[in-house]
Amino acid sequence: AFGAVTNSKRMIKLAYQNEGGSLKMWGVLEDIKEEGRREGQREGRQRGRQEGRQEGRREGRNMILQMNRRLLQEKRYDDLERASNDDAFRERLLAELFPKKAGK
């Protein structure tokens, strides 16, 4: 948001200089508004991506914990050990144990 204010001041100064002293305020204000809108959208997208990554990590951890608990309950110790080292095997186990969740 600070960048929009700084850039807006520059735009007003440039508009004033370029128009030989007569400031066309409406166009400058529209430009400032548009610049602020674009900056707000960028910040919103960035915040959304960050929140999405955090949520995805949380869901992933929970799914792995559920898989580990289930493998322990079923005494599938070898599968648990292999899943901790083999990504492809872990994905197959997740699909086997949680067919609806793994297919998301």
N, C-alpha and C. Protein backbone atom coordinates (compact mmCIF):
# COMPACT_ATOMS: atom_id res chain seq x y z
N ALA A 1 0.83 -1.19 0.00
CA ALA A 1 0.00 0.00 0.00
C ALA A 1 0.87 1.25 0.00
N PHE A 2 2.03 1.21 0.67
CA PHE A 2 2.91 2.37 0.71
C PHE A 2 3.41 2.72 -0.68
N GLY A 3 3.67 1.68 -1.49
CA GLY A 3 4.14 1.91 -2.86
C GLY A 3 3.14 2.69 -3.68
N ALA A 4 1.85 2.44 -3.47
CA ALA A 4 0.81 3.16 -4.22
C ALA A 4 0.84 4.64 -3.88
N VAL A 5 1.04 4.97 -2.61
CA VAL A 5 1.08 6.37 -2.20
C VAL A 5 2.30 7.06 -2.79
N THR A 6 3.45 6.42 -2.71
CA THR A 6 4.68 6.99 -3.25
C THR A 6 4.56 7.19 -4.75
N ASN A 7 4.08 6.16 -5.45
CA ASN A 7 3.93 6.26 -6.90
C ASN A 7 2.88 7.31 -7.26
N SER A 8 1.84 7.44 -6.46
CA SER A 8 0.79 8.42 -6.72
C SER A 8 1.33 9.84 -6.64
N LYS A 9 2.17 10.10 -5.67
CA LYS A 9 2.78 11.43 -5.55
C LYS A 9 3.62 11.73 -6.77
N ARG A 10 4.36 10.71 -7.25
CA ARG A 10 5.16 10.90 -8.45
C ARG A 10 4.28 11.20 -9.65
N MET A 11 3.16 10.48 -9.76
CA MET A 11 2.25 10.69 -10.89
C MET A 11 1.69 12.10 -10.89
N ILE A 12 1.31 12.60 -9.71
CA ILE A 12 0.77 13.96 -9.62
C ILE A 12 1.84 14.97 -10.03
N LYS A 13 3.05 14.77 -9.55
CA LYS A 13 4.14 15.69 -9.88
C LYS A 13 4.41 15.67 -11.38
N LEU A 14 4.47 14.46 -11.97
CA LEU A 14 4.71 14.36 -13.41
C LEU A 14 3.57 14.97 -14.21
N ALA A 15 2.34 14.73 -13.79
CA ALA A 15 1.19 15.30 -14.50
C ALA A 15 1.24 16.82 -14.43
N TYR A 16 1.59 17.35 -13.31
CA TYR A 16 1.67 18.80 -13.14
C TYR A 16 2.75 19.38 -14.06
N GLN A 17 3.91 18.71 -14.08
CA GLN A 17 5.01 19.19 -14.91
C GLN A 17 4.67 19.04 -16.40
N ASN A 18 4.09 17.94 -16.78
CA ASN A 18 3.79 17.68 -18.19
C ASN A 18 2.68 18.56 -18.74
N GLU A 19 1.80 19.05 -17.92
CA GLU A 19 0.69 19.88 -18.39
C GLU A 19 1.01 21.37 -18.27
N GLY A 20 2.26 21.68 -18.06
CA GLY A 20 2.67 23.08 -18.00
C GLY A 20 2.03 23.81 -16.83
N GLY A 21 1.80 23.12 -15.73
CA GLY A 21 1.27 23.77 -14.55
C GLY A 21 -0.22 23.56 -14.36
N SER A 22 -0.94 23.18 -15.39
CA SER A 22 -2.38 22.96 -15.20
C SER A 22 -2.62 21.47 -15.00
N LEU A 23 -3.02 21.12 -13.84
CA LEU A 23 -3.16 19.72 -13.43
C LEU A 23 -4.51 19.16 -13.84
N LYS A 24 -4.49 18.08 -14.60
CA LYS A 24 -5.72 17.40 -14.97
C LYS A 24 -5.99 16.35 -13.89
N MET A 25 -6.64 16.81 -12.84
CA MET A 25 -6.81 16.02 -11.64
C MET A 25 -7.60 14.74 -11.86
N TRP A 26 -8.66 14.80 -12.66
CA TRP A 26 -9.51 13.63 -12.81
C TRP A 26 -8.74 12.44 -13.36
N GLY A 27 -7.98 12.65 -14.41
CA GLY A 27 -7.20 11.55 -15.00
C GLY A 27 -6.17 11.01 -14.03
N VAL A 28 -5.53 11.90 -13.30
CA VAL A 28 -4.52 11.48 -12.33
C VAL A 28 -5.18 10.67 -11.23
N LEU A 29 -6.33 11.12 -10.74
CA LEU A 29 -7.02 10.37 -9.69
C LEU A 29 -7.46 9.00 -10.17
N GLU A 30 -7.92 8.92 -11.40
CA GLU A 30 -8.31 7.62 -11.96
C GLU A 30 -7.09 6.71 -12.06
N ASP A 31 -5.96 7.26 -12.47
CA ASP A 31 -4.73 6.47 -12.56
C ASP A 31 -4.31 5.98 -11.17
N ILE A 32 -4.42 6.84 -10.18
CA ILE A 32 -4.07 6.48 -8.81
C ILE A 32 -4.98 5.36 -8.32
N LYS A 33 -6.28 5.51 -8.58
CA LYS A 33 -7.25 4.51 -8.17
C LYS A 33 -6.94 3.17 -8.83
N GLU A 34 -6.66 3.17 -10.12
CA GLU A 34 -6.35 1.95 -10.85
C GLU A 34 -5.07 1.30 -10.32
N GLU A 35 -4.08 2.13 -10.04
CA GLU A 35 -2.82 1.62 -9.50
C GLU A 35 -3.05 0.96 -8.14
N GLY A 36 -3.84 1.60 -7.30
CA GLY A 36 -4.17 1.03 -5.99
C GLY A 36 -4.93 -0.27 -6.11
N ARG A 37 -5.85 -0.34 -7.06
CA ARG A 37 -6.63 -1.56 -7.28
C ARG A 37 -5.71 -2.70 -7.70
N ARG A 38 -4.82 -2.42 -8.63
CA ARG A 38 -3.89 -3.47 -9.09
C ARG A 38 -2.98 -3.95 -7.95
N GLU A 39 -2.49 -3.00 -7.16
CA GLU A 39 -1.64 -3.39 -6.04
C GLU A 39 -2.42 -4.22 -5.03
N GLY A 40 -3.66 -3.84 -4.76
CA GLY A 40 -4.51 -4.62 -3.86
C GLY A 40 -4.75 -6.03 -4.37
N GLN A 41 -4.97 -6.15 -5.67
CA GLN A 41 -5.16 -7.47 -6.26
C GLN A 41 -3.90 -8.33 -6.12
N ARG A 42 -2.74 -7.73 -6.38
CA ARG A 42 -1.48 -8.47 -6.23
C ARG A 42 -1.32 -8.96 -4.80
N GLU A 43 -1.56 -8.06 -3.83
CA GLU A 43 -1.42 -8.44 -2.43
C GLU A 43 -2.43 -9.53 -2.06
N GLY A 44 -3.65 -9.43 -2.58
CA GLY A 44 -4.67 -10.43 -2.30
C GLY A 44 -4.31 -11.80 -2.86
N ARG A 45 -3.81 -11.81 -4.09
CA ARG A 45 -3.40 -13.09 -4.70
C ARG A 45 -2.25 -13.71 -3.92
N GLN A 46 -1.29 -12.88 -3.54
CA GLN A 46 -0.14 -13.38 -2.78
C GLN A 46 -0.60 -13.97 -1.45
N ARG A 47 -1.47 -13.26 -0.75
CA ARG A 47 -1.98 -13.74 0.54
C ARG A 47 -2.77 -15.03 0.35
N GLY A 48 -3.58 -15.10 -0.72
CA GLY A 48 -4.36 -16.30 -1.00
C GLY A 48 -3.48 -17.51 -1.28
N ARG A 49 -2.42 -17.30 -2.07
CA ARG A 49 -1.49 -18.40 -2.35
C ARG A 49 -0.82 -18.89 -1.07
N GLN A 50 -0.41 -17.95 -0.23
CA GLN A 50 0.25 -18.31 1.02
C GLN A 50 -0.70 -19.10 1.92
N GLU A 51 -1.93 -18.65 2.04
CA GLU A 51 -2.91 -19.37 2.86
C GLU A 51 -3.21 -20.74 2.28
N GLY A 52 -3.28 -20.83 0.96
CA GLY A 52 -3.52 -22.11 0.30
C GLY A 52 -2.39 -23.10 0.55
N ARG A 53 -1.16 -22.62 0.48
CA ARG A 53 -0.02 -23.51 0.76
C ARG A 53 -0.05 -24.00 2.20
N GLN A 54 -0.36 -23.10 3.13
CA GLN A 54 -0.41 -23.49 4.54
C GLN A 54 -1.50 -24.53 4.77
N GLU A 55 -2.67 -24.32 4.17
CA GLU A 55 -3.76 -25.27 4.31
C GLU A 55 -3.41 -26.62 3.70
N GLY A 56 -2.77 -26.59 2.52
CA GLY A 56 -2.36 -27.83 1.87
C GLY A 56 -1.35 -28.60 2.69
N ARG A 57 -0.41 -27.91 3.29
CA ARG A 57 0.58 -28.57 4.14
C ARG A 57 -0.09 -29.21 5.35
N ARG A 58 -1.02 -28.48 5.95
CA ARG A 58 -1.75 -28.99 7.12
C ARG A 58 -2.54 -30.25 6.75
N GLU A 59 -3.24 -30.20 5.62
CA GLU A 59 -4.01 -31.36 5.17
C GLU A 59 -3.10 -32.55 4.87
N GLY A 60 -1.96 -32.27 4.24
CA GLY A 60 -1.01 -33.33 3.91
C GLY A 60 -0.46 -34.00 5.16
N ARG A 61 -0.08 -33.19 6.14
CA ARG A 61 0.42 -33.75 7.41
C ARG A 61 -0.63 -34.62 8.08
N ASN A 62 -1.87 -34.11 8.10
CA ASN A 62 -2.95 -34.88 8.75
C ASN A 62 -3.20 -36.20 8.03
N MET A 63 -3.14 -36.19 6.72
CA MET A 63 -3.37 -37.42 5.96
C MET A 63 -2.26 -38.44 6.23
N ILE A 64 -1.01 -37.98 6.30
CA ILE A 64 0.11 -38.88 6.59
C ILE A 64 -0.03 -39.43 8.01
N LEU A 65 -0.43 -38.59 8.96
CA LEU A 65 -0.62 -39.07 10.33
C LEU A 65 -1.72 -40.12 10.40
N GLN A 66 -2.81 -39.90 9.67
CA GLN A 66 -3.90 -40.88 9.64
C GLN A 66 -3.42 -42.20 9.03
N MET A 67 -2.64 -42.10 7.97
CA MET A 67 -2.10 -43.31 7.34
C MET A 67 -1.21 -44.06 8.32
N ASN A 68 -0.31 -43.32 9.00
CA ASN A 68 0.60 -43.95 9.95
C ASN A 68 -0.17 -44.64 11.07
N ARG A 69 -1.19 -43.98 11.61
CA ARG A 69 -2.00 -44.58 12.69
C ARG A 69 -2.65 -45.87 12.21
N ARG A 70 -3.20 -45.81 11.01
CA ARG A 70 -3.91 -46.99 10.48
C ARG A 70 -2.94 -48.14 10.24
N LEU A 71 -1.78 -47.84 9.69
CA LEU A 71 -0.78 -48.90 9.47
C LEU A 71 -0.34 -49.50 10.81
N LEU A 72 -0.18 -48.67 11.82
CA LEU A 72 0.19 -49.18 13.14
C LEU A 72 -0.93 -50.04 13.73
N GLN A 73 -2.17 -49.58 13.60
CA GLN A 73 -3.30 -50.36 14.12
C GLN A 73 -3.40 -51.72 13.44
N GLU A 74 -3.10 -51.75 12.15
CA GLU A 74 -3.18 -53.00 11.39
C GLU A 74 -1.87 -53.79 11.45
N LYS A 75 -0.94 -53.29 12.27
CA LYS A 75 0.38 -53.94 12.46
C LYS A 75 1.12 -54.15 11.13
N ARG A 76 1.03 -53.16 10.26
CA ARG A 76 1.71 -53.21 8.96
C ARG A 76 3.01 -52.41 9.06
N TYR A 77 3.87 -52.90 9.93
CA TYR A 77 5.10 -52.17 10.25
C TYR A 77 6.04 -52.05 9.05
N ASP A 78 6.13 -53.10 8.27
CA ASP A 78 7.01 -53.05 7.09
C ASP A 78 6.51 -52.00 6.09
N ASP A 79 5.18 -51.93 5.91
CA ASP A 79 4.61 -50.93 5.01
C ASP A 79 4.86 -49.52 5.53
N LEU A 80 4.77 -49.36 6.85
CA LEU A 80 5.02 -48.05 7.45
C LEU A 80 6.47 -47.62 7.20
N GLU A 81 7.38 -48.55 7.41
CA GLU A 81 8.80 -48.23 7.18
C GLU A 81 9.05 -47.91 5.70
N ARG A 82 8.50 -48.73 4.81
CA ARG A 82 8.71 -48.50 3.37
C ARG A 82 8.09 -47.17 2.93
N ALA A 83 6.92 -46.86 3.45
CA ALA A 83 6.24 -45.61 3.08
C ALA A 83 7.04 -44.38 3.50
N SER A 84 7.83 -44.52 4.55
CA SER A 84 8.62 -43.37 5.00
C SER A 84 9.80 -43.07 4.07
N ASN A 85 10.13 -44.03 3.18
CA ASN A 85 11.27 -43.85 2.28
C ASN A 85 10.93 -43.87 0.80
N ASP A 86 9.74 -44.33 0.46
CA ASP A 86 9.39 -44.56 -0.95
C ASP A 86 8.13 -43.75 -1.29
N ASP A 87 8.31 -42.65 -2.02
CA ASP A 87 7.19 -41.76 -2.36
C ASP A 87 6.08 -42.46 -3.14
N ALA A 88 6.47 -43.25 -4.14
CA ALA A 88 5.47 -43.93 -4.98
C ALA A 88 4.66 -44.93 -4.14
N PHE A 89 5.34 -45.67 -3.27
CA PHE A 89 4.65 -46.63 -2.41
C PHE A 89 3.71 -45.91 -1.45
N ARG A 90 4.17 -44.80 -0.91
CA ARG A 90 3.34 -44.01 0.01
C ARG A 90 2.06 -43.54 -0.69
N GLU A 91 2.18 -43.09 -1.93
CA GLU A 91 1.02 -42.64 -2.69
C GLU A 91 0.05 -43.80 -2.94
N ARG A 92 0.60 -44.98 -3.24
CA ARG A 92 -0.27 -46.15 -3.43
C ARG A 92 -0.99 -46.53 -2.14
N LEU A 93 -0.27 -46.46 -1.03
CA LEU A 93 -0.90 -46.75 0.27
C LEU A 93 -2.01 -45.75 0.59
N LEU A 94 -1.75 -44.48 0.35
CA LEU A 94 -2.77 -43.46 0.60
C LEU A 94 -4.01 -43.73 -0.24
N ALA A 95 -3.80 -44.10 -1.50
CA ALA A 95 -4.94 -44.40 -2.38
C ALA A 95 -5.69 -45.64 -1.89
N GLU A 96 -4.95 -46.60 -1.37
CA GLU A 96 -5.57 -47.82 -0.85
C GLU A 96 -6.36 -47.54 0.43
N LEU A 97 -5.76 -46.82 1.34
CA LEU A 97 -6.37 -46.60 2.65
C LEU A 97 -7.45 -45.52 2.65
N PHE A 98 -7.29 -44.51 1.79
CA PHE A 98 -8.20 -43.38 1.75
C PHE A 98 -8.55 -43.06 0.30
N PRO A 99 -9.30 -43.92 -0.37
CA PRO A 99 -9.55 -43.74 -1.81
C PRO A 99 -10.17 -42.40 -2.17
N LYS A 100 -11.05 -41.87 -1.38
CA LYS A 100 -11.72 -40.60 -1.71
C LYS A 100 -10.76 -39.43 -1.51
N LYS A 101 -9.98 -39.45 -0.45
CA LYS A 101 -9.05 -38.35 -0.16
C LYS A 101 -7.88 -38.32 -1.12
N ALA A 102 -7.33 -39.48 -1.45
CA ALA A 102 -6.14 -39.54 -2.30
C ALA A 102 -6.46 -39.10 -3.73
N GLY A 103 -7.68 -39.23 -4.16
CA GLY A 103 -8.06 -38.87 -5.53
C GLY A 103 -8.39 -37.41 -5.70
N LYS A 104 -8.22 -36.58 -4.70
CA LYS A 104 -8.57 -35.15 -4.79
C LYS A 104 -7.80 -34.47 -5.88
